[in-house]
Protein backbone atom coordinates (compact mmCIF):
# COMPACT_ATOMS: atom_id res chain seq x y z
CA UNK A 1 92.95 185.43 238.63
CA UNK A 2 95.59 183.41 240.32
CA UNK A 3 95.77 179.73 239.47
CA UNK A 4 98.20 176.89 239.68
CA UNK A 5 98.52 173.74 237.68
CA UNK A 6 99.12 170.27 239.17
CA UNK A 7 100.60 167.54 237.10
CA UNK A 8 102.94 164.56 236.97
CA UNK A 9 106.44 164.72 235.72
CA UNK A 10 106.67 164.07 231.97
CA UNK A 11 102.86 163.76 231.67
CA UNK A 12 101.97 164.38 228.10
CA UNK A 13 98.50 165.72 229.05
CA UNK A 14 100.11 168.12 231.43
CA UNK A 15 102.65 169.41 228.98
CA UNK A 16 99.90 169.92 226.41
CA UNK A 17 97.93 171.81 228.88
CA UNK A 18 100.67 174.21 229.76
CA UNK A 19 101.28 174.87 226.02
CA UNK A 20 97.55 175.70 225.28
CA UNK A 21 97.45 177.94 228.37
CA UNK A 22 100.53 179.81 227.13
CA UNK A 23 98.70 180.23 223.62
CA UNK A 24 96.09 182.16 225.38
CA UNK A 25 98.47 184.18 227.53
CA UNK A 26 97.22 182.43 230.74
CA UNK A 27 100.14 182.05 233.01
CA UNK A 28 99.90 180.00 236.16
CA UNK A 29 101.43 181.53 239.25
CA UNK A 30 102.86 178.10 240.17
CA UNK A 31 103.11 174.51 238.93
CA UNK A 32 103.18 171.49 241.28
CA UNK A 33 104.93 168.44 239.86
CA UNK A 34 104.75 165.02 241.27
CA UNK A 35 107.69 162.66 240.49
CA UNK A 36 106.46 158.98 240.62
CA UNK A 37 108.70 156.77 242.63
CA UNK A 38 109.03 152.98 242.56
CA UNK A 39 107.42 152.90 245.98
CA UNK A 40 104.34 154.82 244.80
CA UNK A 41 104.16 152.48 241.74
CA UNK A 42 104.21 149.51 244.04
CA UNK A 43 101.32 150.78 246.19
CA UNK A 44 99.39 151.37 242.95
CA UNK A 45 100.12 147.76 241.82
CA UNK A 46 98.94 146.30 244.95
CA UNK A 47 95.70 148.38 244.92
CA UNK A 48 95.03 147.41 241.34
CA UNK A 49 95.43 143.61 242.28
CA UNK A 50 92.92 144.03 245.02
CA UNK A 51 90.36 145.70 242.74
CA UNK A 52 90.88 143.63 239.75
CA UNK A 53 93.17 140.63 239.26
CA UNK A 54 96.84 139.88 240.15
CA UNK A 55 97.38 139.22 236.39
CA UNK A 56 96.02 142.61 235.42
CA UNK A 57 98.21 144.35 238.01
CA UNK A 58 101.40 142.63 236.66
CA UNK A 59 100.60 143.40 233.05
CA UNK A 60 99.92 147.17 233.42
CA UNK A 61 102.64 147.87 236.03
CA UNK A 62 105.25 145.94 233.90
CA UNK A 63 104.79 148.53 231.11
CA UNK A 64 104.86 151.44 233.67
CA UNK A 65 108.04 150.16 235.29
CA UNK A 66 109.66 149.76 231.97
CA UNK A 67 109.07 153.45 231.34
CA UNK A 68 110.48 154.29 234.78
CA UNK A 69 113.78 152.50 233.66
CA UNK A 70 114.16 154.75 230.70
CA UNK A 71 112.98 157.86 232.53
CA UNK A 72 113.51 161.10 230.61
CA UNK A 73 114.89 164.27 231.95
CA UNK A 74 112.17 166.57 233.49
CA UNK A 75 110.80 169.16 231.20
CA UNK A 76 111.70 172.89 231.93
CA UNK A 77 108.55 173.55 233.94
CA UNK A 78 109.99 176.87 235.16
CA UNK A 79 109.51 178.20 231.56
CA UNK A 80 105.80 178.09 232.19
CA UNK A 81 105.51 179.39 235.62
CA UNK A 82 107.52 181.72 238.09
CA UNK A 83 107.31 179.14 240.84
CA UNK A 84 107.66 175.23 240.53
CA UNK A 85 107.71 172.66 243.24
CA UNK A 86 108.63 169.08 242.39
CA UNK A 87 107.87 166.40 245.07
CA UNK A 88 107.28 162.78 245.35
CA UNK A 89 103.86 163.10 247.19
CA UNK A 90 101.28 165.34 245.53
CA UNK A 91 99.21 165.38 248.66
CA UNK A 92 102.01 165.73 251.18
CA UNK A 93 102.65 168.54 253.74
CA UNK A 94 105.29 170.19 251.43
CA UNK A 95 102.98 170.71 248.63
CA UNK A 96 100.15 171.90 250.85
CA UNK A 97 102.36 174.55 252.44
CA UNK A 98 103.62 175.59 248.90
CA UNK A 99 100.07 176.11 247.51
CA UNK A 100 98.70 177.62 250.80
CA UNK A 101 101.15 180.57 250.41
CA UNK A 102 100.01 181.31 246.87
CA UNK A 103 96.49 182.89 247.70
CA UNK A 104 94.93 180.86 244.84
CA UNK A 105 91.63 181.39 243.20
CA UNK A 106 91.77 178.08 241.14
CA UNK A 107 93.59 174.83 240.84
CA UNK A 108 93.80 173.17 237.45
CA UNK A 109 94.59 169.40 237.27
CA UNK A 110 96.82 168.15 234.40
CA UNK A 111 96.74 164.43 235.06
CA UNK A 112 97.89 164.77 238.47
CA UNK A 113 96.28 161.73 240.10
CA UNK A 114 93.73 161.90 243.01
CA UNK A 115 93.90 165.25 245.03
CA UNK A 116 92.88 165.01 248.67
CA UNK A 117 90.69 167.37 250.70
CA UNK A 118 93.61 169.66 252.20
CA UNK A 119 94.50 170.75 248.74
CA UNK A 120 91.03 170.95 247.42
CA UNK A 121 90.11 173.49 250.29
CA UNK A 122 92.80 175.94 249.17
CA UNK A 123 91.37 177.60 246.01
CA UNK A 124 88.54 180.08 246.50
CA UNK A 125 86.58 179.06 243.26
CA UNK A 126 87.52 175.35 243.12
CA UNK A 127 89.58 172.68 241.42
CA UNK A 128 89.03 172.06 237.72
CA UNK A 129 89.49 168.46 236.13
CA UNK A 130 88.79 167.27 232.71
CA UNK A 131 87.79 163.58 233.03
CA UNK A 132 87.94 161.69 229.74
CA UNK A 133 84.56 159.85 230.28
CA UNK A 134 81.00 161.01 230.37
CA UNK A 135 80.03 161.38 234.05
CA UNK A 136 78.31 160.20 236.04
CA UNK A 137 78.19 156.91 234.04
CA UNK A 138 81.96 156.22 233.67
CA UNK A 139 84.21 157.17 236.59
CA UNK A 140 87.72 155.99 237.16
CA UNK A 141 90.43 155.08 234.42
CA UNK A 142 90.36 153.59 231.08
CA UNK A 143 86.90 154.94 230.59
CA UNK A 144 87.30 155.52 226.82
CA UNK A 145 87.85 151.86 226.38
CA UNK A 146 85.23 150.70 228.83
CA UNK A 147 82.73 152.99 227.02
CA UNK A 148 83.59 151.59 223.56
CA UNK A 149 83.50 148.02 225.07
CA UNK A 150 79.99 148.69 226.18
CA UNK A 151 78.90 150.44 223.01
CA UNK A 152 78.38 153.71 224.85
CA UNK A 153 79.23 157.23 223.87
CA UNK A 154 82.66 158.74 224.78
CA UNK A 155 83.67 162.19 225.49
CA UNK A 156 85.15 164.37 228.19
CA UNK A 157 83.41 165.83 231.19
CA UNK A 158 84.65 169.05 232.80
CA UNK A 159 84.02 169.07 236.56
CA UNK A 160 85.07 170.56 239.84
CA UNK A 161 87.02 167.99 241.82
CA UNK A 162 85.82 166.90 245.21
CA UNK A 163 86.96 164.32 247.79
CA UNK A 164 85.44 161.49 245.76
CA UNK A 165 86.75 159.88 242.49
CA UNK A 166 85.19 161.88 239.50
CA UNK A 167 82.21 162.73 241.72
CA UNK A 168 82.42 166.62 241.80
CA UNK A 169 79.83 169.05 240.26
CA UNK A 170 79.72 168.80 236.52
CA UNK A 171 80.34 171.94 234.47
CA UNK A 172 79.82 170.52 230.97
CA UNK A 173 80.30 167.38 228.92
CA UNK A 174 81.09 167.04 225.25
CA UNK A 175 80.48 163.83 223.15
CA UNK A 176 83.30 162.93 220.88
CA UNK A 177 82.75 161.57 217.25
CA UNK A 178 83.69 157.93 216.73
CA UNK A 179 83.84 156.67 213.13
CA UNK A 180 83.89 153.20 211.65
CA UNK A 181 87.62 153.49 210.72
CA UNK A 182 88.67 154.55 214.29
CA UNK A 183 90.89 152.49 216.55
CA UNK A 184 90.78 152.76 220.39
CA UNK A 185 94.09 154.82 220.16
CA UNK A 186 92.64 157.33 217.71
CA UNK A 187 89.40 157.69 219.84
CA UNK A 188 91.54 158.23 222.98
CA UNK A 189 93.59 160.93 221.22
CA UNK A 190 90.42 162.66 220.09
CA UNK A 191 88.99 162.65 223.59
CA UNK A 192 92.28 163.90 225.04
CA UNK A 193 92.32 166.91 222.53
CA UNK A 194 88.62 167.64 223.53
CA UNK A 195 89.49 167.49 227.25
CA UNK A 196 92.28 169.93 226.77
CA UNK A 197 90.02 172.35 224.85
CA UNK A 198 87.19 172.40 227.30
CA UNK A 199 89.64 172.78 230.13
CA UNK A 200 91.48 175.60 228.72
CA UNK A 201 88.23 177.33 227.56
CA UNK A 202 86.97 177.13 231.10
CA UNK A 203 90.00 178.60 232.67
CA UNK A 204 89.90 181.48 230.15
CA UNK A 205 86.24 182.05 231.02
CA UNK A 206 86.96 182.13 234.76
CA UNK A 207 89.76 184.61 234.13
CA UNK A 208 87.26 186.78 232.34
CA UNK A 209 84.88 186.62 235.32
CA UNK A 210 82.34 184.22 233.84
CA UNK A 211 80.70 182.07 236.36
CA UNK A 212 80.59 178.40 235.59
CA UNK A 213 77.45 176.26 235.94
CA UNK A 214 77.64 173.52 238.55
CA UNK A 215 75.36 170.52 238.27
CA UNK A 216 75.63 168.06 241.19
CA UNK A 217 76.24 164.37 240.42
CA UNK A 218 74.17 161.48 241.80
CA UNK A 219 76.87 159.58 243.43
CA UNK A 220 74.71 156.46 243.36
CA UNK A 221 74.71 156.55 239.53
CA UNK A 222 77.26 155.28 237.29
CA UNK A 223 80.27 153.08 238.07
CA UNK A 224 84.05 153.26 238.88
CA UNK A 225 86.21 151.63 236.44
CA UNK A 226 89.82 150.33 236.68
CA UNK A 227 92.58 149.55 234.14
CA UNK A 228 91.23 147.30 231.45
CA UNK A 229 92.66 143.86 231.45
CA UNK A 230 94.55 142.81 228.27
CA UNK A 231 92.18 139.91 227.71
CA UNK A 232 89.24 142.39 227.51
CA UNK A 233 91.28 144.93 225.58
CA UNK A 234 92.13 142.37 222.79
CA UNK A 235 88.35 141.70 222.24
CA UNK A 236 87.74 145.52 222.16
CA UNK A 237 89.89 145.69 218.96
CA UNK A 238 87.27 143.58 217.22
CA UNK A 239 84.40 145.90 218.25
CA UNK A 240 83.30 148.40 215.85
CA UNK A 241 82.89 151.76 217.59
CA UNK A 242 79.30 152.97 217.66
CA UNK A 243 79.12 156.02 219.80
CA UNK A 244 79.36 158.36 216.72
CA UNK A 245 76.45 156.50 214.95
CA UNK A 246 74.37 159.75 214.44
CA UNK A 247 77.20 161.94 213.52
CA UNK A 248 78.49 159.34 210.90
CA UNK A 249 74.95 159.05 209.83
CA UNK A 250 74.43 162.69 209.15
CA UNK A 251 77.81 163.03 207.53
CA UNK A 252 76.81 160.37 204.98
CA UNK A 253 73.57 162.18 204.28
CA UNK A 254 74.23 163.57 200.75
CA UNK A 255 71.05 163.06 198.80
CA UNK A 256 67.89 165.00 199.96
CA UNK A 257 69.50 168.50 199.84
CA UNK A 258 66.41 170.13 198.50
CA UNK A 259 64.21 168.19 200.92
CA UNK A 260 66.39 169.45 203.87
CA UNK A 261 66.28 173.08 202.45
CA UNK A 262 62.53 173.09 202.29
CA UNK A 263 62.24 171.54 205.74
CA UNK A 264 64.36 174.40 207.09
CA UNK A 265 62.21 176.96 205.25
CA UNK A 266 59.05 175.59 206.82
CA UNK A 267 60.70 175.68 210.35
CA UNK A 268 61.98 179.21 209.87
CA UNK A 269 58.41 180.45 208.77
CA UNK A 270 56.79 178.78 211.76
CA UNK A 271 59.45 180.22 214.11
CA UNK A 272 59.14 183.73 212.90
CA UNK A 273 55.37 183.56 212.88
CA UNK A 274 55.32 182.25 216.42
CA UNK A 275 58.31 184.08 217.94
CA UNK A 276 59.23 187.29 215.95
CA UNK A 277 62.32 188.89 217.00
CA UNK A 278 64.02 192.22 216.38
CA UNK A 279 66.28 192.93 213.50
CA UNK A 280 69.14 193.74 215.96
CA UNK A 281 68.96 190.21 217.48
CA UNK A 282 72.01 188.04 217.81
CA UNK A 283 71.08 184.32 217.00
CA UNK A 284 72.90 181.10 217.68
CA UNK A 285 72.04 178.09 215.72
CA UNK A 286 73.26 175.30 217.96
CA UNK A 287 73.72 172.09 216.00
CA UNK A 288 73.41 173.87 212.73
CA UNK A 289 73.59 170.83 210.50
CA UNK A 290 73.79 171.83 206.77
CA UNK A 291 73.16 175.57 207.72
CA UNK A 292 69.87 175.91 205.92
CA UNK A 293 67.86 177.34 208.99
CA UNK A 294 70.64 179.87 209.68
CA UNK A 295 70.49 180.99 206.19
CA UNK A 296 66.74 181.59 206.53
CA UNK A 297 67.12 183.48 209.76
CA UNK A 298 70.12 185.56 208.57
CA UNK A 299 67.97 188.10 206.80
CA UNK A 300 65.92 188.77 209.95
CA UNK A 301 68.78 189.15 212.53
CA UNK A 302 71.81 191.40 212.94
CA UNK A 303 74.11 188.30 213.53
CA UNK A 304 73.78 184.66 213.11
CA UNK A 305 76.35 182.26 214.71
CA UNK A 306 76.47 178.63 213.68
CA UNK A 307 78.11 175.66 215.38
CA UNK A 308 77.98 171.91 214.83
CA UNK A 309 80.16 169.09 216.33
CA UNK A 310 80.71 167.62 212.85
CA UNK A 311 83.52 169.31 210.86
CA UNK A 312 81.86 168.04 207.61
CA UNK A 313 78.47 169.60 208.61
CA UNK A 314 80.30 172.87 209.40
CA UNK A 315 81.82 172.92 205.99
CA UNK A 316 78.38 172.40 204.37
CA UNK A 317 77.05 175.12 206.57
CA UNK A 318 79.67 177.51 205.39
CA UNK A 319 78.62 176.76 201.75
CA UNK A 320 75.03 177.48 202.70
CA UNK A 321 75.65 180.90 204.39
CA UNK A 322 78.61 181.96 202.12
CA UNK A 323 76.55 184.89 200.65
CA UNK A 324 75.23 186.02 204.17
CA UNK A 325 77.74 188.64 205.45
CA UNK A 326 76.28 188.58 208.96
CA UNK A 327 76.66 184.72 209.45
CA UNK A 328 79.74 183.13 210.99
CA UNK A 329 80.53 179.38 211.49
CA UNK A 330 82.58 178.52 214.52
CA UNK A 331 84.98 175.48 214.48
CA UNK A 332 84.79 175.07 218.22
CA UNK A 333 82.09 175.41 220.86
CA UNK A 334 84.20 178.27 222.37
CA UNK A 335 81.70 181.13 222.07
CA UNK A 336 83.97 183.43 224.06
CA UNK A 337 82.11 186.49 225.44
CA UNK A 338 79.40 186.26 222.85
CA UNK A 339 75.90 186.73 224.23
CA UNK A 340 72.69 185.77 222.28
CA UNK A 341 69.20 187.03 222.17
CA UNK A 342 67.95 183.79 220.61
CA UNK A 343 69.45 180.31 220.77
CA UNK A 344 67.84 177.91 218.29
CA UNK A 345 68.28 174.18 218.94
CA UNK A 346 66.23 172.45 216.28
CA UNK A 347 66.14 168.65 216.01
CA UNK A 348 69.30 168.23 218.08
CA UNK A 349 68.21 167.36 221.52
CA UNK A 350 67.15 163.85 220.58
CA UNK A 351 70.76 163.05 220.03
CA UNK A 352 71.80 164.05 223.57
CA UNK A 353 72.57 161.60 226.33
CA UNK A 354 70.07 161.34 229.17
CA UNK A 355 72.24 163.25 231.56
CA UNK A 356 73.45 165.77 228.98
CA UNK A 357 70.41 167.98 228.69
CA UNK A 358 70.69 169.60 232.10
CA UNK A 359 74.35 170.48 231.34
CA UNK A 360 73.36 172.00 228.05
CA UNK A 361 70.70 174.11 229.54
CA UNK A 362 73.17 175.50 232.16
CA UNK A 363 75.49 176.41 229.42
CA UNK A 364 72.96 177.98 227.06
CA UNK A 365 71.57 180.02 229.95
CA UNK A 366 75.00 181.44 230.63
CA UNK A 367 75.17 182.62 227.18
CA UNK A 368 71.85 184.41 227.00
CA UNK A 369 71.74 188.12 226.73
CA UNK A 370 69.21 190.06 228.97
CA UNK A 371 65.84 188.98 227.88
CA UNK A 372 67.20 186.18 225.78
CA UNK A 373 65.31 183.05 224.68
CA UNK A 374 65.94 179.44 223.81
CA UNK A 375 63.94 177.47 221.39
CA UNK A 376 64.04 173.56 221.83
CA UNK A 377 62.27 172.15 218.84
CA UNK A 378 61.60 168.62 217.63
CA UNK A 379 61.68 166.96 221.12
CA UNK A 380 60.37 163.49 220.90
CA UNK A 381 58.04 162.36 223.72
CA UNK A 382 58.01 158.66 224.81
CA UNK A 383 54.68 158.10 223.22
CA UNK A 384 55.74 159.10 219.78
CA UNK A 385 56.00 156.18 217.23
CA UNK A 386 58.68 155.83 214.54
CA UNK A 387 55.79 154.99 211.98
CA UNK A 388 54.24 158.43 212.72
CA UNK A 389 57.39 160.22 211.90
CA UNK A 390 57.66 158.36 208.55
CA UNK A 391 54.06 159.32 207.84
CA UNK A 392 54.56 162.99 208.70
CA UNK A 393 57.67 163.19 206.54
CA UNK A 394 55.72 161.59 203.64
CA UNK A 395 52.87 163.98 204.11
CA UNK A 396 55.32 166.95 204.14
CA UNK A 397 57.16 165.86 201.02
CA UNK A 398 53.97 165.18 199.01
CA UNK A 399 52.44 168.54 200.06
CA UNK A 400 55.69 170.47 199.00
CA UNK A 401 55.74 168.57 195.55
CA UNK A 402 58.95 166.76 196.62
CA UNK A 403 57.67 163.29 196.14
CA UNK A 404 60.61 162.09 193.86
CA UNK A 405 63.02 163.54 196.25
CA UNK A 406 61.42 161.51 199.19
CA UNK A 407 61.64 158.32 196.97
CA UNK A 408 65.39 158.87 196.49
CA UNK A 409 65.83 159.74 200.14
CA UNK A 410 64.05 156.48 201.17
CA UNK A 411 66.19 154.52 198.95
CA UNK A 412 69.37 155.90 200.26
CA UNK A 413 68.93 156.79 203.89
CA UNK A 414 66.64 154.49 205.99
CA UNK A 415 69.11 151.59 206.54
CA UNK A 416 71.74 153.80 207.85
CA UNK A 417 69.13 155.57 210.02
CA UNK A 418 67.64 152.37 211.54
CA UNK A 419 71.24 151.11 212.19
CA UNK A 420 72.12 154.39 214.00
CA UNK A 421 68.80 154.23 216.02
CA UNK A 422 69.78 150.71 217.06
CA UNK A 423 73.31 151.73 217.99
CA UNK A 424 72.39 154.84 219.91
CA UNK A 425 68.58 155.18 220.70
CA UNK A 426 67.19 158.65 220.45
CA UNK A 427 66.55 160.53 223.54
CA UNK A 428 62.86 160.62 224.48
CA UNK A 429 61.61 163.25 227.01
CA UNK A 430 58.20 164.23 228.20
CA UNK A 431 57.12 167.98 228.32
CA UNK A 432 56.99 167.66 232.04
CA UNK A 433 60.42 166.39 232.40
CA UNK A 434 61.85 169.17 230.17
CA UNK A 435 59.97 171.74 232.27
CA UNK A 436 61.30 170.25 235.47
CA UNK A 437 64.99 170.16 234.16
CA UNK A 438 64.66 173.73 232.89
CA UNK A 439 63.35 175.03 236.23
CA UNK A 440 66.34 173.25 237.88
CA UNK A 441 68.58 175.29 235.46
CA UNK A 442 66.85 178.53 236.43
CA UNK A 443 64.85 178.76 233.20
CA UNK A 444 61.23 179.13 232.68
CA UNK A 445 59.64 176.73 230.18
CA UNK A 446 56.44 177.05 228.05
CA UNK A 447 55.06 174.56 225.48
CA UNK A 448 54.55 176.02 222.00
CA UNK A 449 51.02 175.42 220.63
CA UNK A 450 52.45 172.95 218.13
CA UNK A 451 55.84 171.70 216.99
CA UNK A 452 57.73 174.00 214.60
CA UNK A 453 58.53 171.29 212.17
CA UNK A 454 56.38 168.95 210.14
CA UNK A 455 56.76 166.13 212.81
CA UNK A 456 53.37 166.62 214.50
CA UNK A 457 53.99 163.99 217.20
CA UNK A 458 56.94 166.02 218.59
CA UNK A 459 56.92 169.18 220.55
CA UNK A 460 58.72 172.53 220.93
CA UNK A 461 59.58 174.42 224.18
CA UNK A 462 60.41 178.01 224.78
CA UNK A 463 62.93 178.74 227.54
CA UNK A 464 63.60 182.03 229.13
CA UNK A 465 65.62 183.14 232.04
CA UNK A 466 64.14 184.73 234.99
CA UNK A 467 60.28 185.39 235.35
CA UNK A 468 57.81 184.02 232.72
CA UNK A 469 57.38 186.01 229.67
């Protein structure tokens, strides 16, 4: 595969991107570098003043101009690619002629600024960009800060660039954890690292011939943001980040280990009774939590792969499956060339964002082996009441002779749970909506006769690719 990287001179993101590509032995055929001039900065300052305020334009550009005054020497870009072009206009005719002669399959953006239509038309596959916000809700710049300011989730979105600003087809999104002791700077660094990882992983997959999903955006949805004014940013420092509410909530869940283990055993029994699978099956437990479900399934499958976005939960999962030789816990969502006969997503989808489910379905479908199946369990319909969930949990605990464990659980956990629900409401979807979204992703959906967990007000869906089973 022939690809080129476009970046700005001394861009930290661009340099990190080139370094990660080198680690995976992915060498671009060329690098296009834009050297930002005083004239370009003046045009950007005028644009910012029109879009926001004159004071905001002065504040941000004063900092940028001070960096221009102490400009550092350009990095040795020739060490990363055989051909390098440095220009003062990324969208100018010189760059267009340079890239047109490369016969490119792919363009990869490494903080290059807005790319115009003539360049976007050159690569056969498309132009990849890792946007630091969750699309389509947060387009533009400073989106991590604007997300935190509005108490919304943060994380990168990988998409194909088009003529608009962050409006191209979405490949995948990944929500970043935000902890109570985080600052805006640490959250931005975490999102930047996730952006680099998803971007490099996608380039590697395309190089191996893996077709990437494309989910068109609703251009009317979301909003374009500009640089955050300092008088708003100073208020942001006093806002406690809440986007990682559920991850923080689960990471603090230490008490009811026995209760969680018995819940997993009930789920695994119901799953195997309803959907038996061959002993040669390869299973992915997506959002594995403490790893108890994977442990139960490991004795029935050839291979079980576990992944969870929380590093703390992955450590707990490793301890849970430490004596299962056919189980592996991955630290990243990079599943490589792995294909799975069964993907289990139990009690996970309710923590998704409204626009995240379709992207996840596209990703899971791409990872299914021939005849593979996806189980989405514990989905919450709009009509389900919180009181019913509490009652179902109590019935389950009493029936399993875990009444004392339930009492300890109720004393330790509900206050954090209620706070997390307030900060980030659970996703509620109807069975009809899930079926509609699944069909749009090329999957056939069938409702299970009953939910696989003890929550009777929730539901389970079986997804298969191709014709109905």
